[in-house]
Amino acid sequence: MPPALLLILLIVTASAALAHLLWGRRWVQIPVFWLAAAGGALIALAIDARLPLRLITPAGVPVLETTLGAWVMLIVASRLRL
């Protein structure tokens, strides 16, 4: 498995777990949060979102931008009240 994919999966899983810890009420929400975080991270990667900060990008993955994209989608998913 390529290191970039592992890093993205780690960011998505950690973000979804923390979001469920903060806003989750039922076990059914865990996959919803994970899919929302994955969607946000992939959107951030697809549009090549870059902040003007010079941060490291391990395995070519912009960690801050990917995390922010995941959290934007997690906030949207948490407001849907699923």
PDB file of N, CA and C in Angstrom:
ATOM      1  N   MET A   1       0.851  -1.170   0.000  1.00  0.00           N
ATOM      2  CA  MET A   1       0.000   0.000   0.000  1.00  0.00           C
ATOM      3  C   MET A   1       0.904   1.243   0.000  1.00  0.00           C
ATOM      4  N   PRO A   2       0.637   2.196  -0.854  1.00  0.00           N
ATOM      5  CA  PRO A   2       1.482   3.394  -0.912  1.00  0.00           C
ATOM      6  C   PRO A   2       1.363   4.227   0.366  1.00  0.00           C
ATOM      7  N   PRO A   3       2.442   4.895   0.747  1.00  0.00           N
ATOM      8  CA  PRO A   3       2.409   5.697   1.976  1.00  0.00           C
ATOM      9  C   PRO A   3       1.377   6.829   1.934  1.00  0.00           C
ATOM     10  N   ALA A   4       1.149   7.413   0.781  1.00  0.00           N
ATOM     11  CA  ALA A   4       0.166   8.499   0.688  1.00  0.00           C
ATOM     12  C   ALA A   4      -1.238   7.995   1.035  1.00  0.00           C
ATOM     13  N   LEU A   5      -1.581   6.830   0.546  1.00  0.00           N
ATOM     14  CA  LEU A   5      -2.901   6.262   0.841  1.00  0.00           C
ATOM     15  C   LEU A   5      -3.036   5.952   2.332  1.00  0.00           C
ATOM     16  N   LEU A   6      -1.989   5.414   2.929  1.00  0.00           N
ATOM     17  CA  LEU A   6      -2.031   5.136   4.366  1.00  0.00           C
ATOM     18  C   LEU A   6      -2.191   6.412   5.184  1.00  0.00           C
ATOM     19  N   LEU A   7      -1.503   7.452   4.785  1.00  0.00           N
ATOM     20  CA  LEU A   7      -1.609   8.712   5.508  1.00  0.00           C
ATOM     21  C   LEU A   7      -3.002   9.315   5.371  1.00  0.00           C
ATOM     22  N   ILE A   8      -3.578   9.253   4.189  1.00  0.00           N
ATOM     23  CA  ILE A   8      -4.939   9.765   3.988  1.00  0.00           C
ATOM     24  C   ILE A   8      -5.938   8.955   4.808  1.00  0.00           C
ATOM     25  N   LEU A   9      -5.796   7.639   4.827  1.00  0.00           N
ATOM     26  CA  LEU A   9      -6.694   6.800   5.629  1.00  0.00           C
ATOM     27  C   LEU A   9      -6.551   7.099   7.117  1.00  0.00           C
ATOM     28  N   LEU A  10      -5.339   7.365   7.561  1.00  0.00           N
ATOM     29  CA  LEU A  10      -5.116   7.713   8.959  1.00  0.00           C
ATOM     30  C   LEU A  10      -5.784   9.040   9.304  1.00  0.00           C
ATOM     31  N   ILE A  11      -5.642  10.027   8.453  1.00  0.00           N
ATOM     32  CA  ILE A  11      -6.264  11.338   8.693  1.00  0.00           C
ATOM     33  C   ILE A  11      -7.784  11.207   8.713  1.00  0.00           C
ATOM     34  N   VAL A  12      -8.322  10.478   7.754  1.00  0.00           N
ATOM     35  CA  VAL A  12      -9.782  10.309   7.659  1.00  0.00           C
ATOM     36  C   VAL A  12     -10.318   9.567   8.873  1.00  0.00           C
ATOM     37  N   THR A  13      -9.667   8.485   9.262  1.00  0.00           N
ATOM     38  CA  THR A  13     -10.147   7.682  10.387  1.00  0.00           C
ATOM     39  C   THR A  13     -10.038   8.442  11.700  1.00  0.00           C
ATOM     40  N   ALA A  14      -8.934   9.136  11.909  1.00  0.00           N
ATOM     41  CA  ALA A  14      -8.777   9.909  13.148  1.00  0.00           C
ATOM     42  C   ALA A  14      -9.790  11.049  13.208  1.00  0.00           C
ATOM     43  N   SER A  15     -10.025  11.710  12.103  1.00  0.00           N
ATOM     44  CA  SER A  15     -10.997  12.806  12.082  1.00  0.00           C
ATOM     45  C   SER A  15     -12.409  12.291  12.335  1.00  0.00           C
ATOM     46  N   ALA A  16     -12.770  11.193  11.697  1.00  0.00           N
ATOM     47  CA  ALA A  16     -14.113  10.626  11.885  1.00  0.00           C
ATOM     48  C   ALA A  16     -14.304  10.143  13.324  1.00  0.00           C
ATOM     49  N   ALA A  17     -13.276   9.547  13.910  1.00  0.00           N
ATOM     50  CA  ALA A  17     -13.390   9.071  15.290  1.00  0.00           C
ATOM     51  C   ALA A  17     -13.552  10.235  16.258  1.00  0.00           C
ATOM     52  N   LEU A  18     -12.795  11.293  16.048  1.00  0.00           N
ATOM     53  CA  LEU A  18     -12.916  12.459  16.924  1.00  0.00           C
ATOM     54  C   LEU A  18     -14.267  13.150  16.744  1.00  0.00           C
ATOM     55  N   ALA A  19     -14.741  13.228  15.517  1.00  0.00           N
ATOM     56  CA  ALA A  19     -16.055  13.827  15.274  1.00  0.00           C
ATOM     57  C   ALA A  19     -17.154  13.007  15.936  1.00  0.00           C
ATOM     58  N   HIS A  20     -17.033  11.686  15.884  1.00  0.00           N
ATOM     59  CA  HIS A  20     -18.044  10.851  16.535  1.00  0.00           C
ATOM     60  C   HIS A  20     -17.967  11.001  18.046  1.00  0.00           C
ATOM     61  N   LEU A  21     -16.773  11.181  18.560  1.00  0.00           N
ATOM     62  CA  LEU A  21     -16.620  11.404  19.992  1.00  0.00           C
ATOM     63  C   LEU A  21     -17.275  12.720  20.408  1.00  0.00           C
ATOM     64  N   LEU A  22     -17.165  13.736  19.566  1.00  0.00           N
ATOM     65  CA  LEU A  22     -17.724  15.048  19.884  1.00  0.00           C
ATOM     66  C   LEU A  22     -19.225  15.130  19.636  1.00  0.00           C
ATOM     67  N   TRP A  23     -19.692  14.626  18.490  1.00  0.00           N
ATOM     68  CA  TRP A  23     -21.067  14.857  18.074  1.00  0.00           C
ATOM     69  C   TRP A  23     -21.909  13.588  17.917  1.00  0.00           C
ATOM     70  N   GLY A  24     -21.295  12.420  17.978  1.00  0.00           N
ATOM     71  CA  GLY A  24     -22.026  11.185  17.694  1.00  0.00           C
ATOM     72  C   GLY A  24     -22.973  10.789  18.806  1.00  0.00           C
ATOM     73  N   ARG A  25     -24.052  10.187  18.393  1.00  0.00           N
ATOM     74  CA  ARG A  25     -25.042   9.703  19.358  1.00  0.00           C
ATOM     75  C   ARG A  25     -25.317   8.211  19.201  1.00  0.00           C
ATOM     76  N   ARG A  26     -25.179   7.714  17.974  1.00  0.00           N
ATOM     77  CA  ARG A  26     -25.466   6.301  17.705  1.00  0.00           C
ATOM     78  C   ARG A  26     -24.314   5.697  16.918  1.00  0.00           C
ATOM     79  N   TRP A  27     -24.193   4.378  16.998  1.00  0.00           N
ATOM     80  CA  TRP A  27     -23.133   3.665  16.277  1.00  0.00           C
ATOM     81  C   TRP A  27     -23.289   3.772  14.766  1.00  0.00           C
ATOM     82  N   VAL A  28     -24.502   3.975  14.316  1.00  0.00           N
ATOM     83  CA  VAL A  28     -24.766   4.061  12.881  1.00  0.00           C
ATOM     84  C   VAL A  28     -24.073   5.286  12.268  1.00  0.00           C
ATOM     85  N   GLN A  29     -23.785   6.280  13.078  1.00  0.00           N
ATOM     86  CA  GLN A  29     -23.174   7.500  12.572  1.00  0.00           C
ATOM     87  C   GLN A  29     -21.690   7.335  12.242  1.00  0.00           C
ATOM     88  N   ILE A  30     -21.037   6.323  12.765  1.00  0.00           N
ATOM     89  CA  ILE A  30     -19.599   6.158  12.518  1.00  0.00           C
ATOM     90  C   ILE A  30     -19.291   6.026  11.026  1.00  0.00           C
ATOM     91  N   PRO A  31     -19.975   5.139  10.276  1.00  0.00           N
ATOM     92  CA  PRO A  31     -19.682   5.082   8.835  1.00  0.00           C
ATOM     93  C   PRO A  31     -20.047   6.371   8.098  1.00  0.00           C
ATOM     94  N   VAL A  32     -21.090   7.063   8.553  1.00  0.00           N
ATOM     95  CA  VAL A  32     -21.476   8.324   7.921  1.00  0.00           C
ATOM     96  C   VAL A  32     -20.366   9.350   8.120  1.00  0.00           C
ATOM     97  N   PHE A  33     -19.849   9.444   9.334  1.00  0.00           N
ATOM     98  CA  PHE A  33     -18.752  10.373   9.606  1.00  0.00           C
ATOM     99  C   PHE A  33     -17.501   9.985   8.822  1.00  0.00           C
ATOM    100  N   TRP A  34     -17.228   8.693   8.716  1.00  0.00           N
ATOM    101  CA  TRP A  34     -16.033   8.268   7.987  1.00  0.00           C
ATOM    102  C   TRP A  34     -16.166   8.622   6.500  1.00  0.00           C
ATOM    103  N   LEU A  35     -17.331   8.382   5.923  1.00  0.00           N
ATOM    104  CA  LEU A  35     -17.537   8.716   4.510  1.00  0.00           C
ATOM    105  C   LEU A  35     -17.489  10.225   4.282  1.00  0.00           C
ATOM    106  N   ALA A  36     -18.021  10.998   5.226  1.00  0.00           N
ATOM    107  CA  ALA A  36     -17.968  12.456   5.099  1.00  0.00           C
ATOM    108  C   ALA A  36     -16.524  12.946   5.170  1.00  0.00           C
ATOM    109  N   ALA A  37     -15.753  12.402   6.094  1.00  0.00           N
ATOM    110  CA  ALA A  37     -14.351  12.799   6.211  1.00  0.00           C
ATOM    111  C   ALA A  37     -13.560  12.392   4.971  1.00  0.00           C
ATOM    112  N   ALA A  38     -13.835  11.198   4.457  1.00  0.00           N
ATOM    113  CA  ALA A  38     -13.154  10.753   3.244  1.00  0.00           C
ATOM    114  C   ALA A  38     -13.520  11.638   2.060  1.00  0.00           C
ATOM    115  N   GLY A  39     -14.781  11.991   1.950  1.00  0.00           N
ATOM    116  CA  GLY A  39     -15.200  12.871   0.868  1.00  0.00           C
ATOM    117  C   GLY A  39     -14.546  14.233   0.951  1.00  0.00           C
ATOM    118  N   GLY A  40     -14.500  14.806   2.135  1.00  0.00           N
ATOM    119  CA  GLY A  40     -13.871  16.108   2.311  1.00  0.00           C
ATOM    120  C   GLY A  40     -12.378  16.077   2.032  1.00  0.00           C
ATOM    121  N   ALA A  41     -11.714  15.022   2.482  1.00  0.00           N
ATOM    122  CA  ALA A  41     -10.278  14.903   2.232  1.00  0.00           C
ATOM    123  C   ALA A  41      -9.993  14.721   0.744  1.00  0.00           C
ATOM    124  N   LEU A  42     -10.796  13.914   0.086  1.00  0.00           N
ATOM    125  CA  LEU A  42     -10.583  13.694  -1.350  1.00  0.00           C
ATOM    126  C   LEU A  42     -10.920  14.935  -2.175  1.00  0.00           C
ATOM    127  N   ILE A  43     -11.915  15.691  -1.750  1.00  0.00           N
ATOM    128  CA  ILE A  43     -12.223  16.937  -2.448  1.00  0.00           C
ATOM    129  C   ILE A  43     -11.064  17.917  -2.298  1.00  0.00           C
ATOM    130  N   ALA A  44     -10.522  18.009  -1.094  1.00  0.00           N
ATOM    131  CA  ALA A  44      -9.384  18.909  -0.868  1.00  0.00           C
ATOM    132  C   ALA A  44      -8.180  18.483  -1.703  1.00  0.00           C
ATOM    133  N   LEU A  45      -7.966  17.192  -1.840  1.00  0.00           N
ATOM    134  CA  LEU A  45      -6.860  16.709  -2.668  1.00  0.00           C
ATOM    135  C   LEU A  45      -7.146  16.916  -4.153  1.00  0.00           C
ATOM    136  N   ALA A  46      -8.403  16.731  -4.553  1.00  0.00           N
ATOM    137  CA  ALA A  46      -8.744  16.827  -5.975  1.00  0.00           C
ATOM    138  C   ALA A  46      -8.635  18.259  -6.491  1.00  0.00           C
ATOM    139  N   ILE A  47      -9.044  19.218  -5.673  1.00  0.00           N
ATOM    140  CA  ILE A  47      -8.948  20.602  -6.132  1.00  0.00           C
ATOM    141  C   ILE A  47      -7.572  21.189  -5.840  1.00  0.00           C
ATOM    142  N   ASP A  48      -6.708  20.385  -5.264  1.00  0.00           N
ATOM    143  CA  ASP A  48      -5.329  20.779  -4.971  1.00  0.00           C
ATOM    144  C   ASP A  48      -5.305  22.037  -4.112  1.00  0.00           C
ATOM    145  N   ALA A  49      -6.077  21.995  -3.021  1.00  0.00           N
ATOM    146  CA  ALA A  49      -6.153  23.126  -2.111  1.00  0.00           C
ATOM    147  C   ALA A  49      -4.821  23.289  -1.386  1.00  0.00           C
ATOM    148  N   ARG A  50      -4.260  24.457  -1.475  1.00  0.00           N
ATOM    149  CA  ARG A  50      -2.994  24.757  -0.805  1.00  0.00           C
ATOM    150  C   ARG A  50      -3.121  26.088  -0.076  1.00  0.00           C
ATOM    151  N   LEU A  51      -2.720  26.094   1.174  1.00  0.00           N
ATOM    152  CA  LEU A  51      -2.659  27.336   1.930  1.00  0.00           C
ATOM    153  C   LEU A  51      -1.316  28.001   1.660  1.00  0.00           C
ATOM    154  N   PRO A  52      -1.212  29.297   1.860  1.00  0.00           N
ATOM    155  CA  PRO A  52       0.051  29.969   1.567  1.00  0.00           C
ATOM    156  C   PRO A  52       1.157  29.669   2.575  1.00  0.00           C
ATOM    157  N   LEU A  53       0.943  28.745   3.457  1.00  0.00           N
ATOM    158  CA  LEU A  53       1.969  28.357   4.426  1.00  0.00           C
ATOM    159  C   LEU A  53       2.910  27.330   3.810  1.00  0.00           C
ATOM    160  N   ARG A  54       4.162  27.383   4.190  1.00  0.00           N
ATOM    161  CA  ARG A  54       5.156  26.418   3.707  1.00  0.00           C
ATOM    162  C   ARG A  54       5.275  25.287   4.725  1.00  0.00           C
ATOM    163  N   LEU A  55       4.358  24.336   4.667  1.00  0.00           N
ATOM    164  CA  LEU A  55       4.370  23.206   5.585  1.00  0.00           C
ATOM    165  C   LEU A  55       4.883  21.968   4.865  1.00  0.00           C
ATOM    166  N   ILE A  56       5.323  21.000   5.660  1.00  0.00           N
ATOM    167  CA  ILE A  56       5.805  19.768   5.049  1.00  0.00           C
ATOM    168  C   ILE A  56       4.632  18.978   4.480  1.00  0.00           C
ATOM    169  N   THR A  57       4.924  18.205   3.450  1.00  0.00           N
ATOM    170  CA  THR A  57       3.912  17.350   2.836  1.00  0.00           C
ATOM    171  C   THR A  57       4.462  15.929   2.783  1.00  0.00           C
ATOM    172  N   PRO A  58       4.283  15.175   3.861  1.00  0.00           N
ATOM    173  CA  PRO A  58       4.798  13.810   3.852  1.00  0.00           C
ATOM    174  C   PRO A  58       4.083  12.966   2.803  1.00  0.00           C
ATOM    175  N   ALA A  59       4.846  12.254   2.025  1.00  0.00           N
ATOM    176  CA  ALA A  59       4.339  11.401   0.945  1.00  0.00           C
ATOM    177  C   ALA A  59       3.538  12.201  -0.074  1.00  0.00           C
ATOM    178  N   GLY A  60       3.777  13.506  -0.140  1.00  0.00           N
ATOM    179  CA  GLY A  60       3.075  14.348  -1.102  1.00  0.00           C
ATOM    180  C   GLY A  60       1.664  14.723  -0.694  1.00  0.00           C
ATOM    181  N   VAL A  61       1.292  14.438   0.541  1.00  0.00           N
ATOM    182  CA  VAL A  61      -0.059  14.735   1.027  1.00  0.00           C
ATOM    183  C   VAL A  61      -0.017  16.017   1.859  1.00  0.00           C
ATOM    184  N   PRO A  62      -0.746  17.052   1.456  1.00  0.00           N
ATOM    185  CA  PRO A  62      -0.812  18.262   2.285  1.00  0.00           C
ATOM    186  C   PRO A  62      -1.704  17.992   3.503  1.00  0.00           C
ATOM    187  N   VAL A  63      -1.087  17.733   4.637  1.00  0.00           N
ATOM    188  CA  VAL A  63      -1.806  17.251   5.811  1.00  0.00           C
ATOM    189  C   VAL A  63      -2.814  18.280   6.329  1.00  0.00           C
ATOM    190  N   LEU A  64      -2.406  19.529   6.438  1.00  0.00           N
ATOM    191  CA  LEU A  64      -3.316  20.548   6.973  1.00  0.00           C
ATOM    192  C   LEU A  64      -4.527  20.744   6.073  1.00  0.00           C
ATOM    193  N   GLU A  65      -4.308  20.845   4.792  1.00  0.00           N
ATOM    194  CA  GLU A  65      -5.410  21.061   3.865  1.00  0.00           C
ATOM    195  C   GLU A  65      -6.346  19.860   3.815  1.00  0.00           C
ATOM    196  N   THR A  66      -5.779  18.665   3.859  1.00  0.00           N
ATOM    197  CA  THR A  66      -6.590  17.443   3.859  1.00  0.00           C
ATOM    198  C   THR A  66      -7.434  17.351   5.119  1.00  0.00           C
ATOM    199  N   THR A  67      -6.837  17.691   6.255  1.00  0.00           N
ATOM    200  CA  THR A  67      -7.561  17.662   7.522  1.00  0.00           C
ATOM    201  C   THR A  67      -8.671  18.714   7.540  1.00  0.00           C
ATOM    202  N   LEU A  68      -8.380  19.895   7.047  1.00  0.00           N
ATOM    203  CA  LEU A  68      -9.416  20.938   6.998  1.00  0.00           C
ATOM    204  C   LEU A  68     -10.568  20.544   6.079  1.00  0.00           C
ATOM    205  N   GLY A  69     -10.257  19.943   4.941  1.00  0.00           N
ATOM    206  CA  GLY A  69     -11.308  19.478   4.043  1.00  0.00           C
ATOM    207  C   GLY A  69     -12.181  18.416   4.698  1.00  0.00           C
ATOM    208  N   ALA A  70     -11.540  17.505   5.428  1.00  0.00           N
ATOM    209  CA  ALA A  70     -12.297  16.459   6.127  1.00  0.00           C
ATOM    210  C   ALA A  70     -13.209  17.071   7.185  1.00  0.00           C
ATOM    211  N   TRP A  71     -12.707  18.054   7.924  1.00  0.00           N
ATOM    212  CA  TRP A  71     -13.509  18.650   8.983  1.00  0.00           C
ATOM    213  C   TRP A  71     -14.649  19.513   8.458  1.00  0.00           C
ATOM    214  N   VAL A  72     -14.461  20.131   7.326  1.00  0.00           N
ATOM    215  CA  VAL A  72     -15.576  20.894   6.742  1.00  0.00           C
ATOM    216  C   VAL A  72     -16.729  19.952   6.425  1.00  0.00           C
ATOM    217  N   MET A  73     -16.422  18.827   5.817  1.00  0.00           N
ATOM    218  CA  MET A  73     -17.481  17.861   5.495  1.00  0.00           C
ATOM    219  C   MET A  73     -18.047  17.205   6.755  1.00  0.00           C
ATOM    220  N   LEU A  74     -17.223  17.016   7.781  1.00  0.00           N
ATOM    221  CA  LEU A  74     -17.722  16.453   9.035  1.00  0.00           C
ATOM    222  C   LEU A  74     -18.693  17.400   9.722  1.00  0.00           C
ATOM    223  N   ILE A  75     -18.419  18.684   9.663  1.00  0.00           N
ATOM    224  CA  ILE A  75     -19.337  19.651  10.249  1.00  0.00           C
ATOM    225  C   ILE A  75     -20.666  19.629   9.501  1.00  0.00           C
ATOM    226  N   VAL A  76     -20.604  19.533   8.175  1.00  0.00           N
ATOM    227  CA  VAL A  76     -21.842  19.437   7.385  1.00  0.00           C
ATOM    228  C   VAL A  76     -22.603  18.164   7.757  1.00  0.00           C
ATOM    229  N   ALA A  77     -21.892  17.047   7.864  1.00  0.00           N
ATOM    230  CA  ALA A  77     -22.553  15.778   8.191  1.00  0.00           C
ATOM    231  C   ALA A  77     -23.141  15.812   9.607  1.00  0.00           C
ATOM    232  N   SER A  78     -22.481  16.465  10.532  1.00  0.00           N
ATOM    233  CA  SER A  78     -23.005  16.519  11.905  1.00  0.00           C
ATOM    234  C   SER A  78     -24.264  17.368  11.990  1.00  0.00           C
ATOM    235  N   ARG A  79     -24.402  18.344  11.097  1.00  0.00           N
ATOM    236  CA  ARG A  79     -25.587  19.195  11.098  1.00  0.00           C
ATOM    237  C   ARG A  79     -26.794  18.529  10.446  1.00  0.00           C
ATOM    238  N   LEU A  80     -26.588  17.439   9.730  1.00  0.00           N
ATOM    239  CA  LEU A  80     -27.700  16.749   9.075  1.00  0.00           C
ATOM    240  C   LEU A  80     -28.544  15.955  10.055  1.00  0.00           C
ATOM    241  N   ARG A  81     -28.030  15.696  11.228  1.00  0.00           N
ATOM    242  CA  ARG A  81     -28.747  14.960  12.279  1.00  0.00           C
ATOM    243  C   ARG A  81     -29.204  13.584  11.824  1.00  0.00           C
ATOM    244  N   LEU A  82     -28.273  12.800  11.330  1.00  0.00           N
ATOM    245  CA  LEU A  82     -28.610  11.438  10.887  1.00  0.00           C
ATOM    246  C   LEU A  82     -28.689  10.481  12.042  1.00  0.00           C
TER     247      LEU A  82
END
